[in-house]
Amino acid sequence: MIKFRILVLPVFFLLVSCEEPPLQAVGQLESDRIELVAEFWEVITSINVTEGDSIQAGAIVLEQDTARIDLRIEESQANIRRIEAVFAEQMSGPRAETIDAAKAKLNAALIERDYRANELNRLTGLRARNLTSVETVDSAENFLKTAGASIELVSAQLAELEAGTRLEQIEQTNGQLDQARAQLASLQLDKQRLLVVSTTGGIVDSLLFELGERPRAGDVVAVLLSGDQPYARLYIPEPMRVQVRLGSQLQIAVDGLPGTLTGTVRRLASEATFTPYFALNERDRTRLSYVAEVRLPTQSERLPDGVPVQAVF
């Protein structure tokens, strides 16, 4: 009887030692990192959040100096008022006083022509009696022609005033007005961009500049951790890859939390974490792993990033 027990015990321990441990997928809690950048090289005048704050989408993270853009906006507004005045003048047409002045010039030109015509007739009569020179008569003829040309010029100017502004000129001015208004809208948009606004809700992870500093255009000024809850980033072992699909539910154990959380696979990599997997033998292929992101249920408090997690198959 004693010999039988001695033989059984080694066999029992051998069976226990040959039992394979359950497959596990390990990883950690992570969040999508959202980087907020400064679009202009201006001084930071206000920082409205601190690291660790929970903010909503649209919250103002920090503000930059607007003095330069304010001056450009005032200049654009003045240009719009100038063009609007020109447009109103063109639509109203010339003033009645301007037309009356043109008519008075025309009357003066007619009187001048009549006077020159009479003077030419008088000098022509004198020349017939040889009482004046040929040059005098020629000068009188030139003065008469000049008076006639002046009448034509003033008549054309009067006709232009009475016809009003051409439609093409009004369209050009209207186009200039639209362009000036678009420039103003662009400047106002630039002013809004001097407010660095959160594009999503989440946690302020880090602020990279201090009050009074001047970030360059394109510099990252703040980093957010998006979402109400971090997700579990796991490395799925190769033997379990075919059993995991998008939408699969996994039991996730989070260090520091009792029990497990039921998570849903939201992303699953199609390639292994190292290659070339086609050059591996059957034993080495079991060492491959595939990155998966597992969405976790919302907790009463946000779980911290970086905490180790594992899923047991």
Protein backbone atom coordinates (compact mmCIF):
# COMPACT_ATOMS: atom_id res chain seq x y z
CA MET A 1 0.00 0.00 0.00
CA ILE A 2 2.82 2.35 0.76
CA LYS A 3 4.47 1.64 -2.55
CA PHE A 4 1.27 2.48 -4.44
CA ARG A 5 1.09 5.93 -2.84
CA ILE A 6 4.68 6.60 -3.72
CA LEU A 7 3.97 5.82 -7.36
CA VAL A 8 0.75 7.88 -7.57
CA LEU A 9 2.10 11.10 -6.13
CA PRO A 10 4.73 11.73 -8.88
CA VAL A 11 2.11 11.08 -11.53
CA PHE A 12 -0.28 13.59 -9.85
CA PHE A 13 2.37 16.31 -9.70
CA LEU A 14 3.31 15.61 -13.29
CA LEU A 15 -0.30 16.15 -14.44
CA VAL A 16 -0.56 19.39 -12.48
CA SER A 17 2.68 20.70 -13.91
CA CYS A 18 1.54 19.88 -17.47
CA GLU A 19 -1.71 21.89 -17.14
CA GLU A 20 -1.37 25.06 -19.28
CA PRO A 21 -2.16 28.41 -17.65
CA PRO A 22 -5.13 30.30 -19.12
CA LEU A 23 -4.38 32.71 -21.97
CA GLN A 24 -4.39 36.36 -20.98
CA ALA A 25 -4.38 39.62 -22.86
CA VAL A 26 -2.56 42.30 -20.93
CA GLY A 27 -2.42 46.04 -21.49
CA GLN A 28 -3.27 49.30 -19.80
CA LEU A 29 -5.87 52.06 -19.66
CA GLU A 30 -5.39 54.77 -22.26
CA SER A 31 -7.26 57.77 -23.67
CA ASP A 32 -7.17 59.47 -27.04
CA ARG A 33 -4.85 62.46 -26.79
CA ILE A 34 -6.14 65.66 -28.38
CA GLU A 35 -3.52 68.35 -29.04
CA LEU A 36 -4.67 71.97 -29.13
CA VAL A 37 -2.40 74.27 -31.14
CA ALA A 38 -1.92 78.04 -31.34
CA GLU A 39 -2.63 79.42 -34.80
CA PHE A 40 -0.99 82.82 -34.26
CA TRP A 41 2.23 84.14 -32.75
CA GLU A 42 0.66 86.22 -29.99
CA VAL A 43 1.15 86.56 -26.24
CA ILE A 44 -1.00 84.40 -23.94
CA THR A 45 -3.11 86.79 -21.88
CA SER A 46 -5.29 84.33 -19.97
CA ILE A 47 -5.30 80.62 -19.05
CA ASN A 48 -8.76 79.52 -17.97
CA VAL A 49 -8.11 75.90 -16.93
CA THR A 50 -5.63 73.94 -14.86
CA GLU A 51 -4.18 70.49 -15.42
CA GLY A 52 -6.62 67.80 -14.32
CA ASP A 53 -9.75 69.89 -14.97
CA SER A 54 -12.70 68.20 -16.65
CA ILE A 55 -14.00 70.41 -19.48
CA GLN A 56 -16.72 70.23 -22.11
CA ALA A 57 -16.43 70.74 -25.85
CA GLY A 58 -16.24 74.46 -26.69
CA ALA A 59 -14.63 75.48 -23.38
CA ILE A 60 -12.04 78.26 -23.70
CA VAL A 61 -8.69 76.84 -22.62
CA LEU A 62 -6.58 79.98 -23.07
CA GLU A 63 -6.69 83.41 -24.74
CA GLN A 64 -4.10 85.31 -26.77
CA ASP A 65 -3.58 89.05 -27.26
CA THR A 66 -6.02 90.58 -29.79
CA ALA A 67 -4.56 94.12 -30.08
CA ARG A 68 -3.03 93.55 -33.52
CA ILE A 69 -6.14 91.93 -35.02
CA ASP A 70 -8.39 94.59 -33.47
CA LEU A 71 -6.54 97.32 -35.40
CA ARG A 72 -6.90 95.39 -38.65
CA ILE A 73 -10.62 94.92 -37.99
CA GLU A 74 -11.06 98.68 -37.43
CA GLU A 75 -9.22 99.35 -40.70
CA SER A 76 -11.44 96.90 -42.54
CA GLN A 77 -14.59 98.42 -41.07
CA ALA A 78 -13.48 101.91 -42.16
CA ASN A 79 -12.84 100.63 -45.68
CA ILE A 80 -16.35 99.14 -45.79
CA ARG A 81 -17.88 102.45 -44.73
CA ARG A 82 -15.95 104.24 -47.48
CA ILE A 83 -17.10 101.82 -50.18
CA GLU A 84 -20.68 101.96 -48.89
CA ALA A 85 -20.61 105.75 -49.23
CA VAL A 86 -19.34 105.47 -52.81
CA PHE A 87 -22.04 102.92 -53.59
CA ALA A 88 -24.77 105.13 -52.10
CA GLU A 89 -23.50 108.09 -54.16
CA GLN A 90 -23.57 106.05 -57.35
CA MET A 91 -27.07 104.80 -56.65
CA SER A 92 -28.35 108.31 -55.94
CA GLY A 93 -26.75 109.76 -59.05
CA PRO A 94 -25.40 113.33 -59.41
CA ARG A 95 -26.83 116.13 -57.29
CA ALA A 96 -29.28 118.60 -58.83
CA GLU A 97 -26.83 121.43 -58.10
CA THR A 98 -24.15 119.69 -60.18
CA ILE A 99 -26.54 119.36 -63.12
CA ASP A 100 -27.57 123.02 -62.79
CA ALA A 101 -23.92 124.05 -62.83
CA ALA A 102 -23.36 122.04 -66.02
CA LYS A 103 -26.37 123.72 -67.61
CA ALA A 104 -25.00 127.12 -66.66
CA LYS A 105 -21.67 126.24 -68.29
CA LEU A 106 -23.53 125.22 -71.43
CA ASN A 107 -25.37 128.55 -71.53
CA ALA A 108 -22.10 130.40 -71.08
CA ALA A 109 -20.59 128.40 -73.94
CA LEU A 110 -23.56 129.26 -76.20
CA ILE A 111 -23.22 132.94 -75.40
CA GLU A 112 -19.52 132.77 -76.14
CA ARG A 113 -20.21 131.09 -79.48
CA ASP A 114 -22.77 133.73 -80.46
CA TYR A 115 -20.36 136.49 -79.51
CA ARG A 116 -17.58 134.92 -81.58
CA ALA A 117 -19.91 134.47 -84.54
CA ASN A 118 -20.93 138.15 -84.45
CA GLU A 119 -17.32 139.20 -84.06
CA LEU A 120 -16.35 137.15 -87.10
CA ASN A 121 -19.12 138.72 -89.16
CA ARG A 122 -18.03 142.22 -88.16
CA LEU A 123 -14.39 141.57 -88.94
CA THR A 124 -15.28 139.94 -92.24
CA GLY A 125 -17.13 143.12 -93.26
CA LEU A 126 -14.19 145.26 -92.29
CA ARG A 127 -11.88 143.02 -94.24
CA ALA A 128 -14.06 143.41 -97.33
CA ARG A 129 -13.46 147.15 -97.11
CA ASN A 130 -9.79 146.53 -96.36
CA LEU A 131 -10.12 148.03 -92.90
CA THR A 132 -8.57 145.11 -91.04
CA SER A 133 -5.96 142.42 -91.61
CA VAL A 134 -6.37 138.86 -92.74
CA GLU A 135 -4.80 137.63 -89.50
CA THR A 136 -7.55 139.28 -87.48
CA VAL A 137 -10.23 137.50 -89.45
CA ASP A 138 -8.40 134.16 -89.07
CA SER A 139 -8.15 134.64 -85.29
CA ALA A 140 -11.87 135.33 -85.11
CA GLU A 141 -12.58 132.12 -87.00
CA ASN A 142 -10.40 130.12 -84.60
CA PHE A 143 -12.16 131.64 -81.59
CA LEU A 144 -15.50 130.63 -83.08
CA LYS A 145 -14.33 127.05 -83.61
CA THR A 146 -13.06 126.92 -80.01
CA ALA A 147 -16.41 128.13 -78.74
CA GLY A 148 -18.17 125.41 -80.73
CA ALA A 149 -15.89 122.72 -79.30
CA SER A 150 -16.51 124.02 -75.80
CA ILE A 151 -20.25 123.67 -76.41
CA GLU A 152 -19.81 120.05 -77.47
CA LEU A 153 -17.70 119.29 -74.38
CA VAL A 154 -20.12 120.85 -71.90
CA SER A 155 -23.10 119.23 -73.63
CA ALA A 156 -21.48 115.80 -73.31
CA GLN A 157 -20.74 116.39 -69.64
CA LEU A 158 -24.33 117.45 -69.02
CA ALA A 159 -25.65 114.37 -70.82
CA GLU A 160 -23.42 112.16 -68.70
CA LEU A 161 -24.69 113.72 -65.49
CA GLU A 162 -28.32 113.42 -66.53
CA ALA A 163 -27.84 109.74 -67.55
CA GLY A 164 -26.60 108.87 -64.04
CA THR A 165 -24.02 106.24 -63.00
CA ARG A 166 -23.37 103.37 -65.38
CA LEU A 167 -24.56 99.93 -64.31
CA GLU A 168 -21.04 98.51 -64.77
CA GLN A 169 -19.63 100.99 -62.26
CA ILE A 170 -22.30 100.07 -59.73
CA GLU A 171 -21.50 96.37 -60.16
CA GLN A 172 -17.78 97.04 -59.68
CA THR A 173 -18.42 98.97 -56.48
CA ASN A 174 -20.79 96.26 -55.26
CA GLY A 175 -18.06 93.68 -55.88
CA GLN A 176 -15.53 95.76 -53.93
CA LEU A 177 -18.02 95.98 -51.07
CA ASP A 178 -18.52 92.20 -51.01
CA GLN A 179 -14.74 91.70 -51.02
CA ALA A 180 -14.26 94.12 -48.11
CA ARG A 181 -16.99 92.39 -46.10
CA ALA A 182 -15.39 89.00 -46.74
CA GLN A 183 -12.05 90.36 -45.53
CA LEU A 184 -13.73 91.62 -42.37
CA ALA A 185 -15.34 88.21 -41.78
CA SER A 186 -11.92 86.57 -42.22
CA LEU A 187 -10.36 88.91 -39.67
CA GLN A 188 -13.18 88.28 -37.20
CA LEU A 189 -12.63 84.54 -37.63
CA ASP A 190 -8.91 85.04 -36.97
CA LYS A 191 -9.82 86.89 -33.79
CA GLN A 192 -11.96 83.96 -32.66
CA ARG A 193 -9.02 81.64 -33.34
CA LEU A 194 -7.01 83.61 -30.77
CA LEU A 195 -9.23 81.82 -28.27
CA VAL A 196 -7.90 78.26 -28.01
CA VAL A 197 -11.10 76.24 -27.57
CA SER A 198 -11.51 72.61 -26.60
CA THR A 199 -12.67 70.58 -29.58
CA THR A 200 -14.04 67.77 -27.38
CA GLY A 201 -14.90 67.02 -23.80
CA GLY A 202 -12.29 65.42 -21.57
CA ILE A 203 -9.52 65.99 -19.05
CA VAL A 204 -6.80 68.63 -19.33
CA ASP A 205 -3.69 66.47 -19.29
CA SER A 206 -1.01 69.16 -19.69
CA LEU A 207 -0.55 72.87 -20.38
CA LEU A 208 2.70 73.51 -22.24
CA PHE A 209 2.94 77.32 -21.93
CA GLU A 210 2.72 79.84 -19.11
CA LEU A 211 0.86 83.13 -18.90
CA GLY A 212 2.75 85.81 -20.84
CA GLU A 213 4.59 83.43 -23.13
CA ARG A 214 4.31 83.74 -26.91
CA PRO A 215 3.84 80.37 -28.65
CA ARG A 216 4.71 80.14 -32.31
CA ALA A 217 2.03 79.38 -34.87
CA GLY A 218 1.46 75.63 -34.83
CA ASP A 219 2.87 75.02 -31.34
CA VAL A 220 0.90 72.63 -29.12
CA VAL A 221 -0.34 74.64 -26.13
CA ALA A 222 -2.51 72.04 -24.37
CA VAL A 223 -3.15 68.29 -24.44
CA LEU A 224 -6.56 66.80 -23.60
CA LEU A 225 -7.56 63.25 -22.75
CA SER A 226 -10.85 62.77 -24.54
CA GLY A 227 -13.87 60.73 -23.50
CA ASP A 228 -15.73 60.18 -20.26
CA GLN A 229 -13.69 57.03 -19.57
CA PRO A 230 -10.38 55.65 -20.82
CA TYR A 231 -10.39 52.48 -22.88
CA ALA A 232 -8.38 49.31 -22.36
CA ARG A 233 -5.55 48.85 -24.84
CA LEU A 234 -4.87 45.12 -24.95
CA TYR A 235 -2.51 42.83 -26.79
CA ILE A 236 -4.51 39.81 -27.95
CA PRO A 237 -2.44 36.56 -28.15
CA GLU A 238 -2.30 34.96 -31.59
CA PRO A 239 -4.18 31.76 -30.55
CA MET A 240 -7.20 33.89 -29.49
CA ARG A 241 -7.17 36.28 -32.45
CA VAL A 242 -9.75 34.35 -34.47
CA GLN A 243 -12.16 34.32 -31.51
CA VAL A 244 -12.13 38.10 -31.03
CA ARG A 245 -14.22 40.31 -33.30
CA LEU A 246 -15.31 43.93 -33.38
CA GLY A 247 -18.13 44.13 -30.88
CA SER A 248 -16.95 41.12 -28.87
CA GLN A 249 -17.39 41.46 -25.12
CA LEU A 250 -14.43 40.76 -22.86
CA GLN A 251 -14.10 40.58 -19.11
CA ILE A 252 -11.49 43.16 -18.15
CA ALA A 253 -9.76 43.13 -14.78
CA VAL A 254 -8.42 46.54 -13.75
CA ASP A 255 -5.73 46.67 -11.08
CA GLY A 256 -7.23 48.19 -7.97
CA LEU A 257 -10.87 47.44 -8.83
CA PRO A 258 -12.71 44.43 -7.39
CA GLY A 259 -14.16 42.03 -9.92
CA THR A 260 -14.13 42.64 -13.65
CA LEU A 261 -15.70 45.08 -16.12
CA THR A 262 -17.48 43.99 -19.26
CA GLY A 263 -15.88 45.80 -22.18
CA THR A 264 -16.68 45.87 -25.90
CA VAL A 265 -13.98 45.64 -28.58
CA ARG A 266 -14.14 48.85 -30.63
CA ARG A 267 -10.94 48.42 -32.66
CA LEU A 268 -8.82 45.44 -33.61
CA ALA A 269 -5.56 45.58 -35.53
CA SER A 270 -5.31 43.43 -38.63
CA GLU A 271 -1.53 43.08 -38.37
CA ALA A 272 0.61 41.69 -35.57
CA THR A 273 2.78 43.92 -33.44
CA PHE A 274 5.96 42.60 -35.03
CA THR A 275 6.74 41.18 -38.47
CA PRO A 276 7.41 39.29 -40.68
CA TYR A 277 4.91 36.82 -39.24
CA PHE A 278 4.97 34.75 -42.48
CA ALA A 279 8.59 33.76 -41.75
CA LEU A 280 7.78 32.29 -38.32
CA ASN A 281 7.29 28.62 -37.51
CA GLU A 282 4.24 27.28 -35.69
CA ARG A 283 5.79 27.68 -32.27
CA ASP A 284 6.98 31.26 -32.84
CA ARG A 285 3.61 32.34 -34.24
CA THR A 286 2.07 31.80 -30.81
CA ARG A 287 4.13 34.74 -29.59
CA LEU A 288 2.39 37.17 -31.91
CA SER A 289 -0.13 39.62 -30.49
CA TYR A 290 -2.69 42.00 -31.99
CA VAL A 291 -3.54 45.40 -30.56
CA ALA A 292 -7.17 45.82 -29.53
CA GLU A 293 -9.03 48.74 -28.00
CA VAL A 294 -11.84 47.80 -25.63
CA ARG A 295 -14.51 50.33 -24.65
CA LEU A 296 -15.28 50.17 -20.92
CA PRO A 297 -18.54 51.09 -19.18
CA THR A 298 -18.80 54.51 -17.54
CA GLN A 299 -17.84 54.59 -13.88
CA SER A 300 -18.83 57.01 -11.17
CA GLU A 301 -15.31 58.44 -11.38
CA ARG A 302 -12.96 58.47 -14.34
CA LEU A 303 -10.34 55.75 -14.18
CA PRO A 304 -6.74 56.95 -14.36
CA ASP A 305 -4.70 56.38 -17.52
CA GLY A 306 -1.75 53.98 -17.41
CA VAL A 307 -3.26 51.47 -14.94
CA PRO A 308 -2.49 47.85 -15.99
CA VAL A 309 -5.45 45.73 -17.15
CA GLN A 310 -5.89 42.17 -18.34
CA ALA A 311 -8.51 40.03 -20.07
CA VAL A 312 -8.68 36.31 -19.27
CA PHE A 313 -9.89 33.88 -21.96
